[in-house]
Amino acid sequence: MNILFLMYSWDKIDPETDSTLRLIHECVSRNHTVAIATPHNLTMRDSVSSAFCQVFKKGTATPASIMSFYKKAEFKKSQLPLAGFDIIIMRANPPLDPITLNFLDSVREDVFIMNDIDGLRIANTKLYTASFDDPCNHFIPVTHVSKTPEYLVDVLNHSESGKMIMKPLDGYGGQGVILVDKNAQKSFHSLLEFYINSGKGGNYVILQEYVEGADAGDVRILMLNGEPIGAMKRVPASNEVRSNVHAGGSVVKHILTKNEKALCKHIGPKLVRDGLYFVGIDVINEKLIEVNVQSPGGIMRINKLNNVKLQKKVIDFAEGVIHAKEALAQRRNEFRKAIDDAHVI
């Protein structure tokens, strides 16, 4: 198969922890033709969308060691048509670039794109969690979004717990996540002014009810085709509200609870309907906090904690989609031939 990873640049990879690198290694190990490109490498000529790619050279055995694979990788640079790929795996870091999706719109009927373009469009902000049907807030904490300071101040003042989590609507990786207290009104006003006014036209801000137990960390669950395939608990560093590993947090093994499994079952069908086949969800005290759809991480750490290789499941799934499409196309061709031959006496 021909597989393109649309991602961040190769030299930005941390080979010790990078999830995309594990997926690439798995594809190369299966002898697929694998190329990588960044969104900046997309181009169009004669109405044909293509990318300036780095294609992994074949002919030598693929090192089993991820570190060796990363260091010894050799590429051939080539401009390649996007429609020539069987699979495009989206692994570009947030924020979402709408122009990238416009390029991919032209080939969506020819190529299996994971995750789906429309799914990325509707789920690229933290508002997506509100789209899951949960009127009683059994799985999703009460969430408020606005760019009106007076409204957000009123929301905080009426908070039953007296404290809430504030974060930018389009943030990622734990950036800008702050615990606010209604007893610190002056600080809250200053933070609101900074968050809202730092962007042209004003930025939206999320206020989310504080979920008890957040100080003990969160759970990252990787989901594939609507089902959980692995999880880990992320424990924040001392005096830190964020559990993200790059913010100083650590990880420990985690087995999904009954309610966490119920949460996954609740949101799984919608994820699949939206074409969000491989996502990472962040859960605190069995409540859904975020859905990460662009380049969900955690493969290496979950693998290490559980002695598994989740990348195999992800690539198995992508290959399965292509095999099913090919089988369907072959069946249609056979049906058409039967009709074409029907007039022969």
C-alpha atoms as a PDB file:
ATOM      1  CA  MET A   1       0.000   0.000   0.000  1.00  0.00           C
ATOM      2  CA  ASN A   2       0.971   3.640  -0.431  1.00  0.00           C
ATOM      3  CA  ILE A   3       0.711   5.553   2.833  1.00  0.00           C
ATOM      4  CA  LEU A   4       1.294   9.269   3.479  1.00  0.00           C
ATOM      5  CA  PHE A   5       1.796  10.720   6.934  1.00  0.00           C
ATOM      6  CA  LEU A   6       0.831  14.389   6.926  1.00  0.00           C
ATOM      7  CA  MET A   7       2.645  15.542  10.030  1.00  0.00           C
ATOM      8  CA  TYR A   8       5.213  17.766  11.700  1.00  0.00           C
ATOM      9  CA  SER A   9       8.755  17.783  10.334  1.00  0.00           C
ATOM     10  CA  TRP A  10      11.014  14.755  10.838  1.00  0.00           C
ATOM     11  CA  ASP A  11      13.602  16.732  12.816  1.00  0.00           C
ATOM     12  CA  LYS A  12      10.941  17.762  15.378  1.00  0.00           C
ATOM     13  CA  ILE A  13      10.369  14.140  16.430  1.00  0.00           C
ATOM     14  CA  ASP A  14      11.390  12.953  19.876  1.00  0.00           C
ATOM     15  CA  PRO A  15      12.193   9.338  18.967  1.00  0.00           C
ATOM     16  CA  GLU A  16      11.958   8.131  22.562  1.00  0.00           C
ATOM     17  CA  THR A  17       8.285   9.025  22.956  1.00  0.00           C
ATOM     18  CA  ASP A  18       6.782   9.984  19.592  1.00  0.00           C
ATOM     19  CA  SER A  19       3.592   8.113  18.651  1.00  0.00           C
ATOM     20  CA  THR A  20       3.720   9.016  14.966  1.00  0.00           C
ATOM     21  CA  LEU A  21       7.184   7.487  14.682  1.00  0.00           C
ATOM     22  CA  ARG A  22       5.798   4.186  16.026  1.00  0.00           C
ATOM     23  CA  LEU A  23       3.059   4.221  13.381  1.00  0.00           C
ATOM     24  CA  ILE A  24       5.556   5.018  10.614  1.00  0.00           C
ATOM     25  CA  HIS A  25       7.920   2.265  11.773  1.00  0.00           C
ATOM     26  CA  GLU A  26       5.070  -0.237  11.697  1.00  0.00           C
ATOM     27  CA  CYS A  27       4.130   0.727   8.128  1.00  0.00           C
ATOM     28  CA  VAL A  28       7.732   0.581   6.877  1.00  0.00           C
ATOM     29  CA  SER A  29       8.224  -2.777   8.625  1.00  0.00           C
ATOM     30  CA  ARG A  30       5.246  -4.133   6.647  1.00  0.00           C
ATOM     31  CA  ASN A  31       7.001  -3.076   3.432  1.00  0.00           C
ATOM     32  CA  HIS A  32       4.444  -0.450   2.514  1.00  0.00           C
ATOM     33  CA  THR A  33       5.564   2.539   0.447  1.00  0.00           C
ATOM     34  CA  VAL A  34       5.633   5.249   3.103  1.00  0.00           C
ATOM     35  CA  ALA A  35       6.022   8.994   2.605  1.00  0.00           C
ATOM     36  CA  ILE A  36       5.949  11.917   5.017  1.00  0.00           C
ATOM     37  CA  ALA A  37       5.114  15.556   4.381  1.00  0.00           C
ATOM     38  CA  THR A  38       4.180  18.622   6.394  1.00  0.00           C
ATOM     39  CA  PRO A  39       1.106  20.751   5.632  1.00  0.00           C
ATOM     40  CA  HIS A  40       3.498  23.387   4.266  1.00  0.00           C
ATOM     41  CA  ASN A  41       4.573  20.846   1.619  1.00  0.00           C
ATOM     42  CA  LEU A  42       1.128  20.701   0.010  1.00  0.00           C
ATOM     43  CA  THR A  43       0.811  22.184  -3.454  1.00  0.00           C
ATOM     44  CA  MET A  44      -1.399  22.145  -6.535  1.00  0.00           C
ATOM     45  CA  ARG A  45      -0.552  22.124 -10.231  1.00  0.00           C
ATOM     46  CA  ASP A  46      -2.982  21.728 -13.117  1.00  0.00           C
ATOM     47  CA  SER A  47      -5.736  21.281 -10.513  1.00  0.00           C
ATOM     48  CA  VAL A  48      -3.989  18.218  -9.060  1.00  0.00           C
ATOM     49  CA  SER A  49      -3.234  18.265  -5.326  1.00  0.00           C
ATOM     50  CA  SER A  50       0.184  16.921  -4.436  1.00  0.00           C
ATOM     51  CA  ALA A  51       2.877  17.165  -1.787  1.00  0.00           C
ATOM     52  CA  PHE A  52       6.619  17.514  -1.713  1.00  0.00           C
ATOM     53  CA  CYS A  53       7.333  14.271   0.105  1.00  0.00           C
ATOM     54  CA  GLN A  54      10.167  12.400   1.732  1.00  0.00           C
ATOM     55  CA  VAL A  55       9.756   8.768   0.744  1.00  0.00           C
ATOM     56  CA  PHE A  56      11.411   6.059   2.813  1.00  0.00           C
ATOM     57  CA  LYS A  57      13.933   4.131   0.750  1.00  0.00           C
ATOM     58  CA  LYS A  58      13.389   0.399   0.468  1.00  0.00           C
ATOM     59  CA  GLY A  59      15.888  -2.397  -0.033  1.00  0.00           C
ATOM     60  CA  THR A  60      17.314  -2.814   3.454  1.00  0.00           C
ATOM     61  CA  ALA A  61      15.952  -4.522   6.538  1.00  0.00           C
ATOM     62  CA  THR A  62      13.974  -2.241   8.843  1.00  0.00           C
ATOM     63  CA  PRO A  63      15.709  -1.924  12.239  1.00  0.00           C
ATOM     64  CA  ALA A  64      13.596  -3.340  15.051  1.00  0.00           C
ATOM     65  CA  SER A  65      14.814  -0.561  17.342  1.00  0.00           C
ATOM     66  CA  ILE A  66      12.817   2.646  17.006  1.00  0.00           C
ATOM     67  CA  MET A  67      15.886   4.718  17.844  1.00  0.00           C
ATOM     68  CA  SER A  68      17.981   2.980  15.157  1.00  0.00           C
ATOM     69  CA  PHE A  69      15.149   3.326  12.654  1.00  0.00           C
ATOM     70  CA  TYR A  70      14.932   7.064  13.296  1.00  0.00           C
ATOM     71  CA  LYS A  71      18.685   7.640  13.053  1.00  0.00           C
ATOM     72  CA  LYS A  72      19.242   5.458   9.968  1.00  0.00           C
ATOM     73  CA  ALA A  73      16.168   6.437   7.950  1.00  0.00           C
ATOM     74  CA  GLU A  74      16.959   7.401   4.345  1.00  0.00           C
ATOM     75  CA  PHE A  75      14.610   9.328   2.110  1.00  0.00           C
ATOM     76  CA  LYS A  76      14.097  10.176  -1.502  1.00  0.00           C
ATOM     77  CA  LYS A  77      12.479  13.554  -2.125  1.00  0.00           C
ATOM     78  CA  SER A  78       9.674  13.560  -4.655  1.00  0.00           C
ATOM     79  CA  GLN A  79       6.534  15.511  -5.556  1.00  0.00           C
ATOM     80  CA  LEU A  80       3.669  13.014  -5.408  1.00  0.00           C
ATOM     81  CA  PRO A  81      -0.063  13.268  -6.179  1.00  0.00           C
ATOM     82  CA  LEU A  82      -2.217  12.848  -3.086  1.00  0.00           C
ATOM     83  CA  ALA A  83      -4.730  10.729  -5.004  1.00  0.00           C
ATOM     84  CA  GLY A  84      -2.008   8.123  -5.582  1.00  0.00           C
ATOM     85  CA  PHE A  85      -1.983   7.172  -1.908  1.00  0.00           C
ATOM     86  CA  ASP A  86      -4.252   4.512  -0.455  1.00  0.00           C
ATOM     87  CA  ILE A  87      -4.125   6.040   3.033  1.00  0.00           C
ATOM     88  CA  ILE A  88      -3.341   9.504   4.386  1.00  0.00           C
ATOM     89  CA  ILE A  89      -2.779   9.516   8.131  1.00  0.00           C
ATOM     90  CA  MET A  90      -3.249  12.957   9.644  1.00  0.00           C
ATOM     91  CA  ARG A  91      -0.706  13.579  12.381  1.00  0.00           C
ATOM     92  CA  ALA A  92      -0.129  17.335  12.185  1.00  0.00           C
ATOM     93  CA  ASN A  93      -0.102  19.060  15.561  1.00  0.00           C
ATOM     94  CA  PRO A  94      -2.864  21.517  16.526  1.00  0.00           C
ATOM     95  CA  PRO A  95      -4.055  24.116  15.754  1.00  0.00           C
ATOM     96  CA  LEU A  96      -5.962  22.834  12.756  1.00  0.00           C
ATOM     97  CA  ASP A  97      -5.044  24.427   9.434  1.00  0.00           C
ATOM     98  CA  PRO A  98      -8.236  24.786   7.328  1.00  0.00           C
ATOM     99  CA  ILE A  99      -6.202  25.210   4.122  1.00  0.00           C
ATOM    100  CA  THR A 100      -4.732  21.737   4.654  1.00  0.00           C
ATOM    101  CA  LEU A 101      -8.234  20.306   4.737  1.00  0.00           C
ATOM    102  CA  ASN A 102      -9.112  22.191   1.551  1.00  0.00           C
ATOM    103  CA  PHE A 103      -6.265  20.394  -0.247  1.00  0.00           C
ATOM    104  CA  LEU A 104      -7.524  17.057   1.069  1.00  0.00           C
ATOM    105  CA  ASP A 105     -11.105  17.775   0.015  1.00  0.00           C
ATOM    106  CA  SER A 106     -10.046  17.208  -3.589  1.00  0.00           C
ATOM    107  CA  VAL A 107      -8.969  13.588  -2.925  1.00  0.00           C
ATOM    108  CA  ARG A 108     -11.355  12.437  -0.224  1.00  0.00           C
ATOM    109  CA  GLU A 109     -13.232  10.166  -2.635  1.00  0.00           C
ATOM    110  CA  ASP A 110     -10.010   8.449  -3.720  1.00  0.00           C
ATOM    111  CA  VAL A 111      -8.072   8.107  -0.452  1.00  0.00           C
ATOM    112  CA  PHE A 112      -8.885   6.839   3.028  1.00  0.00           C
ATOM    113  CA  ILE A 113      -8.034   9.752   5.317  1.00  0.00           C
ATOM    114  CA  MET A 114      -7.609   9.089   9.039  1.00  0.00           C
ATOM    115  CA  ASN A 115      -9.053  11.060  10.704  1.00  0.00           C
ATOM    116  CA  ASP A 116     -11.798  12.161   8.331  1.00  0.00           C
ATOM    117  CA  ILE A 117     -11.725  15.755   7.107  1.00  0.00           C
ATOM    118  CA  ASP A 118     -15.239  16.636   8.274  1.00  0.00           C
ATOM    119  CA  GLY A 119     -14.580  14.985  11.617  1.00  0.00           C
ATOM    120  CA  LEU A 120     -11.493  17.135  12.101  1.00  0.00           C
ATOM    121  CA  ARG A 121     -13.454  20.242  11.192  1.00  0.00           C
ATOM    122  CA  ILE A 122     -16.173  19.678  13.785  1.00  0.00           C
ATOM    123  CA  ALA A 123     -13.934  18.344  16.555  1.00  0.00           C
ATOM    124  CA  ASN A 124     -10.888  20.598  16.395  1.00  0.00           C
ATOM    125  CA  THR A 125     -11.892  22.669  19.452  1.00  0.00           C
ATOM    126  CA  LYS A 126     -12.888  21.783  22.981  1.00  0.00           C
ATOM    127  CA  LEU A 127     -16.529  22.535  22.118  1.00  0.00           C
ATOM    128  CA  TYR A 128     -16.784  19.054  20.618  1.00  0.00           C
ATOM    129  CA  THR A 129     -17.363  17.424  24.007  1.00  0.00           C
ATOM    130  CA  ALA A 130     -20.665  19.316  24.237  1.00  0.00           C
ATOM    131  CA  SER A 131     -21.928  17.503  21.134  1.00  0.00           C
ATOM    132  CA  PHE A 132     -22.267  14.200  22.992  1.00  0.00           C
ATOM    133  CA  ASP A 133     -25.775  13.658  24.333  1.00  0.00           C
ATOM    134  CA  ASP A 134     -25.392  13.885  28.112  1.00  0.00           C
ATOM    135  CA  PRO A 135     -28.120  16.176  29.519  1.00  0.00           C
ATOM    136  CA  CYS A 136     -27.566  15.016  33.090  1.00  0.00           C
ATOM    137  CA  ASN A 137     -23.797  15.543  32.901  1.00  0.00           C
ATOM    138  CA  HIS A 138     -23.154  11.955  33.852  1.00  0.00           C
ATOM    139  CA  PHE A 139     -20.098  11.742  31.605  1.00  0.00           C
ATOM    140  CA  ILE A 140     -19.285  15.372  30.775  1.00  0.00           C
ATOM    141  CA  PRO A 141     -18.772  18.167  33.347  1.00  0.00           C
ATOM    142  CA  VAL A 142     -20.812  21.363  33.132  1.00  0.00           C
ATOM    143  CA  THR A 143     -19.080  23.603  30.595  1.00  0.00           C
ATOM    144  CA  HIS A 144     -19.455  27.295  29.746  1.00  0.00           C
ATOM    145  CA  VAL A 145     -17.937  29.062  26.719  1.00  0.00           C
ATOM    146  CA  SER A 146     -17.936  32.777  26.033  1.00  0.00           C
ATOM    147  CA  LYS A 147     -15.842  35.809  25.149  1.00  0.00           C
ATOM    148  CA  THR A 148     -17.963  38.119  27.334  1.00  0.00           C
ATOM    149  CA  PRO A 149     -16.088  38.829  30.607  1.00  0.00           C
ATOM    150  CA  GLU A 150     -19.174  39.845  32.589  1.00  0.00           C
ATOM    151  CA  TYR A 151     -20.883  36.547  31.800  1.00  0.00           C
ATOM    152  CA  LEU A 152     -17.858  34.474  32.765  1.00  0.00           C
ATOM    153  CA  VAL A 153     -17.483  36.375  36.034  1.00  0.00           C
ATOM    154  CA  ASP A 154     -21.126  35.613  36.814  1.00  0.00           C
ATOM    155  CA  VAL A 155     -20.578  31.937  35.976  1.00  0.00           C
ATOM    156  CA  LEU A 156     -17.658  31.720  38.402  1.00  0.00           C
ATOM    157  CA  ASN A 157     -19.606  33.547  41.137  1.00  0.00           C
ATOM    158  CA  HIS A 158     -22.427  31.004  40.877  1.00  0.00           C
ATOM    159  CA  SER A 159     -20.131  27.986  40.861  1.00  0.00           C
ATOM    160  CA  GLU A 160     -21.176  25.584  43.613  1.00  0.00           C
ATOM    161  CA  SER A 161     -17.616  24.438  44.276  1.00  0.00           C
ATOM    162  CA  GLY A 162     -16.183  27.940  44.106  1.00  0.00           C
ATOM    163  CA  LYS A 163     -13.467  26.908  41.721  1.00  0.00           C
ATOM    164  CA  MET A 164     -13.371  26.172  38.010  1.00  0.00           C
ATOM    165  CA  ILE A 165     -10.939  25.255  35.270  1.00  0.00           C
ATOM    166  CA  MET A 166     -10.282  27.989  32.708  1.00  0.00           C
ATOM    167  CA  LYS A 167      -8.640  27.332  29.338  1.00  0.00           C
ATOM    168  CA  PRO A 168      -8.564  28.771  25.827  1.00  0.00           C
ATOM    169  CA  LEU A 169     -10.996  27.225  23.375  1.00  0.00           C
ATOM    170  CA  ASP A 170      -8.308  26.374  20.829  1.00  0.00           C
ATOM    171  CA  GLY A 171      -5.474  25.417  23.188  1.00  0.00           C
ATOM    172  CA  TYR A 172      -3.759  22.041  23.201  1.00  0.00           C
ATOM    173  CA  GLY A 173      -1.195  20.082  25.174  1.00  0.00           C
ATOM    174  CA  GLY A 174      -2.347  21.640  28.443  1.00  0.00           C
ATOM    175  CA  GLN A 175      -1.434  25.149  27.304  1.00  0.00           C
ATOM    176  CA  GLY A 176      -3.216  27.880  29.212  1.00  0.00           C
ATOM    177  CA  VAL A 177      -5.075  25.577  31.632  1.00  0.00           C
ATOM    178  CA  ILE A 178      -5.571  27.388  34.940  1.00  0.00           C
ATOM    179  CA  LEU A 179      -7.488  26.668  38.140  1.00  0.00           C
ATOM    180  CA  VAL A 180      -9.488  29.761  39.128  1.00  0.00           C
ATOM    181  CA  ASP A 181     -11.165  30.551  42.447  1.00  0.00           C
ATOM    182  CA  LYS A 182     -14.054  32.961  42.948  1.00  0.00           C
ATOM    183  CA  ASN A 183     -12.316  34.318  46.019  1.00  0.00           C
ATOM    184  CA  ALA A 184      -9.587  35.703  43.746  1.00  0.00           C
ATOM    185  CA  GLN A 185     -11.725  38.052  41.638  1.00  0.00           C
ATOM    186  CA  LYS A 186      -8.970  40.531  40.794  1.00  0.00           C
ATOM    187  CA  SER A 187      -6.728  37.840  39.384  1.00  0.00           C
ATOM    188  CA  PHE A 188      -9.644  36.331  37.470  1.00  0.00           C
ATOM    189  CA  HIS A 189     -10.505  39.672  35.855  1.00  0.00           C
ATOM    190  CA  SER A 190      -6.894  40.116  34.745  1.00  0.00           C
ATOM    191  CA  LEU A 191      -6.720  36.597  33.334  1.00  0.00           C
ATOM    192  CA  LEU A 192      -9.966  37.070  31.431  1.00  0.00           C
ATOM    193  CA  GLU A 193      -8.705  40.302  29.917  1.00  0.00           C
ATOM    194  CA  PHE A 194      -5.504  38.575  28.806  1.00  0.00           C
ATOM    195  CA  TYR A 195      -7.191  35.444  27.417  1.00  0.00           C
ATOM    196  CA  ILE A 196      -9.980  37.232  25.583  1.00  0.00           C
ATOM    197  CA  ASN A 197      -8.114  40.255  24.241  1.00  0.00           C
ATOM    198  CA  SER A 198      -4.939  38.509  23.072  1.00  0.00           C
ATOM    199  CA  GLY A 199      -6.508  37.632  19.708  1.00  0.00           C
ATOM    200  CA  LYS A 200      -8.018  39.740  16.944  1.00  0.00           C
ATOM    201  CA  GLY A 201     -11.747  39.950  17.504  1.00  0.00           C
ATOM    202  CA  GLY A 202     -11.443  38.360  20.923  1.00  0.00           C
ATOM    203  CA  ASN A 203     -10.821  34.754  21.947  1.00  0.00           C
ATOM    204  CA  TYR A 204     -13.378  32.387  23.378  1.00  0.00           C
ATOM    205  CA  VAL A 205     -12.687  31.083  26.879  1.00  0.00           C
ATOM    206  CA  ILE A 206     -13.876  27.848  28.465  1.00  0.00           C
ATOM    207  CA  LEU A 207     -14.945  27.665  32.082  1.00  0.00           C
ATOM    208  CA  GLN A 208     -15.519  24.113  33.244  1.00  0.00           C
ATOM    209  CA  GLU A 209     -16.732  22.948  36.617  1.00  0.00           C
ATOM    210  CA  TYR A 210     -13.814  21.622  38.619  1.00  0.00           C
ATOM    211  CA  VAL A 211     -13.953  17.838  38.759  1.00  0.00           C
ATOM    212  CA  GLU A 212     -12.997  16.492  42.156  1.00  0.00           C
ATOM    213  CA  GLY A 213      -9.938  14.302  41.936  1.00  0.00           C
ATOM    214  CA  ALA A 214      -8.264  16.402  39.244  1.00  0.00           C
ATOM    215  CA  ASP A 215      -5.326  17.001  41.566  1.00  0.00           C
ATOM    216  CA  ALA A 216      -4.649  13.249  41.446  1.00  0.00           C
ATOM    217  CA  GLY A 217      -4.289  13.282  37.658  1.00  0.00           C
ATOM    218  CA  ASP A 218      -6.213  12.308  34.555  1.00  0.00           C
ATOM    219  CA  VAL A 219      -6.551   9.235  32.348  1.00  0.00           C
ATOM    220  CA  ARG A 220      -5.569   9.235  28.669  1.00  0.00           C
ATOM    221  CA  ILE A 221      -7.544   6.617  26.737  1.00  0.00           C
ATOM    222  CA  LEU A 222      -6.692   5.799  23.135  1.00  0.00           C
ATOM    223  CA  MET A 223      -9.723   4.782  21.090  1.00  0.00           C
ATOM    224  CA  LEU A 224      -9.727   3.023  17.726  1.00  0.00           C
ATOM    225  CA  ASN A 225     -12.893   2.702  15.652  1.00  0.00           C
ATOM    226  CA  GLY A 226     -14.999   3.610  18.677  1.00  0.00           C
ATOM    227  CA  GLU A 227     -13.381   1.158  21.100  1.00  0.00           C
ATOM    228  CA  PRO A 228     -10.720   1.711  23.796  1.00  0.00           C
ATOM    229  CA  ILE A 229      -7.427  -0.008  22.973  1.00  0.00           C
ATOM    230  CA  GLY A 230      -5.200   1.291  25.779  1.00  0.00           C
ATOM    231  CA  ALA A 231      -4.977   3.714  28.676  1.00  0.00           C
ATOM    232  CA  MET A 232      -2.616   5.284  31.147  1.00  0.00           C
ATOM    233  CA  LYS A 233      -2.964   7.548  34.148  1.00  0.00           C
ATOM    234  CA  ARG A 234      -1.072  10.840  34.082  1.00  0.00           C
ATOM    235  CA  VAL A 235      -0.087  12.218  37.471  1.00  0.00           C
ATOM    236  CA  PRO A 236       0.688  15.947  37.681  1.00  0.00           C
ATOM    237  CA  ALA A 237       3.858  17.283  39.214  1.00  0.00           C
ATOM    238  CA  SER A 238       3.591  18.927  42.629  1.00  0.00           C
ATOM    239  CA  ASN A 239       1.971  22.381  42.542  1.00  0.00           C
ATOM    240  CA  GLU A 240       0.768  21.748  38.973  1.00  0.00           C
ATOM    241  CA  VAL A 241      -2.864  21.496  37.828  1.00  0.00           C
ATOM    242  CA  ARG A 242      -2.007  19.976  34.427  1.00  0.00           C
ATOM    243  CA  SER A 243      -1.316  16.266  34.073  1.00  0.00           C
ATOM    244  CA  ASN A 244       0.337  16.529  30.647  1.00  0.00           C
ATOM    245  CA  VAL A 245       3.694  14.761  30.603  1.00  0.00           C
ATOM    246  CA  HIS A 246       5.507  17.645  28.914  1.00  0.00           C
ATOM    247  CA  ALA A 247       4.216  19.850  31.756  1.00  0.00           C
ATOM    248  CA  GLY A 248       6.138  17.705  34.239  1.00  0.00           C
ATOM    249  CA  GLY A 249       3.617  14.937  34.836  1.00  0.00           C
ATOM    250  CA  SER A 250       4.400  11.242  35.083  1.00  0.00           C
ATOM    251  CA  VAL A 251       2.508   8.141  33.913  1.00  0.00           C
ATOM    252  CA  VAL A 252       1.385   4.954  35.648  1.00  0.00           C
ATOM    253  CA  LYS A 253      -0.458   1.858  34.480  1.00  0.00           C
ATOM    254  CA  HIS A 254      -4.231   2.122  34.451  1.00  0.00           C
ATOM    255  CA  ILE A 255      -7.058  -0.394  34.009  1.00  0.00           C
ATOM    256  CA  LEU A 256     -10.344   1.113  32.856  1.00  0.00           C
ATOM    257  CA  THR A 257     -13.095   1.260  35.465  1.00  0.00           C
ATOM    258  CA  LYS A 258     -16.661   0.166  34.795  1.00  0.00           C
ATOM    259  CA  ASN A 259     -17.774   3.787  34.376  1.00  0.00           C
ATOM    260  CA  GLU A 260     -14.841   4.620  32.087  1.00  0.00           C
ATOM    261  CA  LYS A 261     -15.824   1.700  29.883  1.00  0.00           C
ATOM    262  CA  ALA A 262     -19.406   3.004  29.903  1.00  0.00           C
ATOM    263  CA  LEU A 263     -18.119   6.441  28.885  1.00  0.00           C
ATOM    264  CA  CYS A 264     -16.223   4.935  25.946  1.00  0.00           C
ATOM    265  CA  LYS A 265     -19.312   2.982  24.901  1.00  0.00           C
ATOM    266  CA  HIS A 266     -21.389   6.162  25.125  1.00  0.00           C
ATOM    267  CA  ILE A 267     -19.169   8.295  22.895  1.00  0.00           C
ATOM    268  CA  GLY A 268     -17.766   5.575  20.595  1.00  0.00           C
ATOM    269  CA  PRO A 269     -20.605   5.430  18.030  1.00  0.00           C
ATOM    270  CA  LYS A 270     -20.553   9.205  17.461  1.00  0.00           C
ATOM    271  CA  LEU A 271     -16.777   9.203  17.029  1.00  0.00           C
ATOM    272  CA  VAL A 272     -17.131   6.580  14.293  1.00  0.00           C
ATOM    273  CA  ARG A 273     -20.020   8.431  12.625  1.00  0.00           C
ATOM    274  CA  ASP A 274     -17.856  11.555  12.549  1.00  0.00           C
ATOM    275  CA  GLY A 275     -14.968   9.635  10.994  1.00  0.00           C
ATOM    276  CA  LEU A 276     -12.797  10.063  14.081  1.00  0.00           C
ATOM    277  CA  TYR A 277     -11.308   6.592  14.014  1.00  0.00           C
ATOM    278  CA  PHE A 278      -8.189   7.143  16.119  1.00  0.00           C
ATOM    279  CA  VAL A 279      -8.494   9.598  19.009  1.00  0.00           C
ATOM    280  CA  GLY A 280      -7.203  10.195  22.494  1.00  0.00           C
ATOM    281  CA  ILE A 281      -9.679  11.174  25.206  1.00  0.00           C
ATOM    282  CA  ASP A 282      -8.764  12.745  28.521  1.00  0.00           C
ATOM    283  CA  VAL A 283     -10.841  11.681  31.495  1.00  0.00           C
ATOM    284  CA  ILE A 284     -10.866  12.947  35.085  1.00  0.00           C
ATOM    285  CA  ASN A 285     -12.782  11.068  37.753  1.00  0.00           C
ATOM    286  CA  GLU A 286     -14.670   9.195  35.013  1.00  0.00           C
ATOM    287  CA  LYS A 287     -15.768  12.398  33.223  1.00  0.00           C
ATOM    288  CA  LEU A 288     -14.770  13.377  29.691  1.00  0.00           C
ATOM    289  CA  ILE A 289     -12.629  16.513  29.611  1.00  0.00           C
ATOM    290  CA  GLU A 290     -11.219  16.602  26.075  1.00  0.00           C
ATOM    291  CA  VAL A 291     -11.173  14.690  22.791  1.00  0.00           C
ATOM    292  CA  ASN A 292      -7.841  14.856  20.949  1.00  0.00           C
ATOM    293  CA  VAL A 293      -8.348  14.177  17.241  1.00  0.00           C
ATOM    294  CA  GLN A 294      -5.347  15.547  15.318  1.00  0.00           C
ATOM    295  CA  SER A 295      -2.303  13.674  16.577  1.00  0.00           C
ATOM    296  CA  PRO A 296      -3.238  11.835  19.779  1.00  0.00           C
ATOM    297  CA  GLY A 297      -0.196  10.642  21.667  1.00  0.00           C
ATOM    298  CA  GLY A 298       0.550   8.064  24.308  1.00  0.00           C
ATOM    299  CA  ILE A 299       1.331   4.979  22.224  1.00  0.00           C
ATOM    300  CA  MET A 300       4.883   4.541  23.477  1.00  0.00           C
ATOM    301  CA  ARG A 301       4.039   5.037  27.135  1.00  0.00           C
ATOM    302  CA  ILE A 302       0.997   2.754  27.068  1.00  0.00           C
ATOM    303  CA  ASN A 303       3.041   0.145  25.176  1.00  0.00           C
ATOM    304  CA  LYS A 304       5.758   0.259  27.814  1.00  0.00           C
ATOM    305  CA  LEU A 305       3.336   0.073  30.741  1.00  0.00           C
ATOM    306  CA  ASN A 306       1.448  -2.900  29.306  1.00  0.00           C
ATOM    307  CA  ASN A 307       4.024  -4.656  27.093  1.00  0.00           C
ATOM    308  CA  VAL A 308       1.905  -4.145  23.967  1.00  0.00           C
ATOM    309  CA  LYS A 309       2.306  -2.531  20.535  1.00  0.00           C
ATOM    310  CA  LEU A 310      -0.768  -0.433  19.886  1.00  0.00           C
ATOM    311  CA  GLN A 311       0.613   0.759  16.557  1.00  0.00           C
ATOM    312  CA  LYS A 312      -0.076  -2.720  15.167  1.00  0.00           C
ATOM    313  CA  LYS A 313      -3.776  -2.373  15.937  1.00  0.00           C
ATOM    314  CA  VAL A 314      -3.950   1.069  14.345  1.00  0.00           C
ATOM    315  CA  ILE A 315      -2.283  -0.016  11.108  1.00  0.00           C
ATOM    316  CA  ASP A 316      -4.274  -3.284  11.052  1.00  0.00           C
ATOM    317  CA  PHE A 317      -7.429  -1.164  11.119  1.00  0.00           C
ATOM    318  CA  ALA A 318      -6.259   1.157   8.307  1.00  0.00           C
ATOM    319  CA  GLU A 319      -5.247  -1.817   6.152  1.00  0.00           C
ATOM    320  CA  GLY A 320      -8.611  -3.442   6.841  1.00  0.00           C
ATOM    321  CA  VAL A 321     -10.445  -0.396   5.513  1.00  0.00           C
ATOM    322  CA  ILE A 322      -8.469  -0.540   2.248  1.00  0.00           C
ATOM    323  CA  HIS A 323      -8.954  -4.301   1.867  1.00  0.00           C
ATOM    324  CA  ALA A 324     -12.712  -3.842   2.349  1.00  0.00           C
ATOM    325  CA  LYS A 325     -12.809  -1.062  -0.260  1.00  0.00           C
ATOM    326  CA  GLU A 326     -10.850  -3.197  -2.726  1.00  0.00           C
ATOM    327  CA  ALA A 327     -13.124  -6.190  -2.158  1.00  0.00           C
ATOM    328  CA  LEU A 328     -16.177  -3.992  -2.712  1.00  0.00           C
ATOM    329  CA  ALA A 329     -14.721  -2.549  -5.941  1.00  0.00           C
ATOM    330  CA  GLN A 330     -13.920  -6.037  -7.221  1.00  0.00           C
ATOM    331  CA  ARG A 331     -17.449  -7.237  -6.447  1.00  0.00           C
ATOM    332  CA  ARG A 332     -18.966  -4.264  -8.266  1.00  0.00           C
ATOM    333  CA  ASN A 333     -16.785  -4.947 -11.293  1.00  0.00           C
ATOM    334  CA  GLU A 334     -17.951  -8.568 -11.323  1.00  0.00           C
ATOM    335  CA  PHE A 335     -21.583  -7.461 -11.153  1.00  0.00           C
ATOM    336  CA  ARG A 336     -21.057  -4.972 -13.972  1.00  0.00           C
ATOM    337  CA  LYS A 337     -19.378  -7.618 -16.107  1.00  0.00           C
ATOM    338  CA  ALA A 338     -22.305  -9.939 -15.529  1.00  0.00           C
ATOM    339  CA  ILE A 339     -24.649  -7.219 -16.780  1.00  0.00           C
ATOM    340  CA  ASP A 340     -22.409  -6.394 -19.760  1.00  0.00           C
ATOM    341  CA  ASP A 341     -22.358 -10.090 -20.693  1.00  0.00           C
ATOM    342  CA  ALA A 342     -26.108 -10.483 -20.349  1.00  0.00           C
ATOM    343  CA  HIS A 343     -26.793  -9.574 -23.986  1.00  0.00           C
ATOM    344  CA  VAL A 344     -24.383 -12.208 -25.314  1.00  0.00           C
ATOM    345  CA  ILE A 345     -26.297 -15.100 -26.848  1.00  0.00           C
END
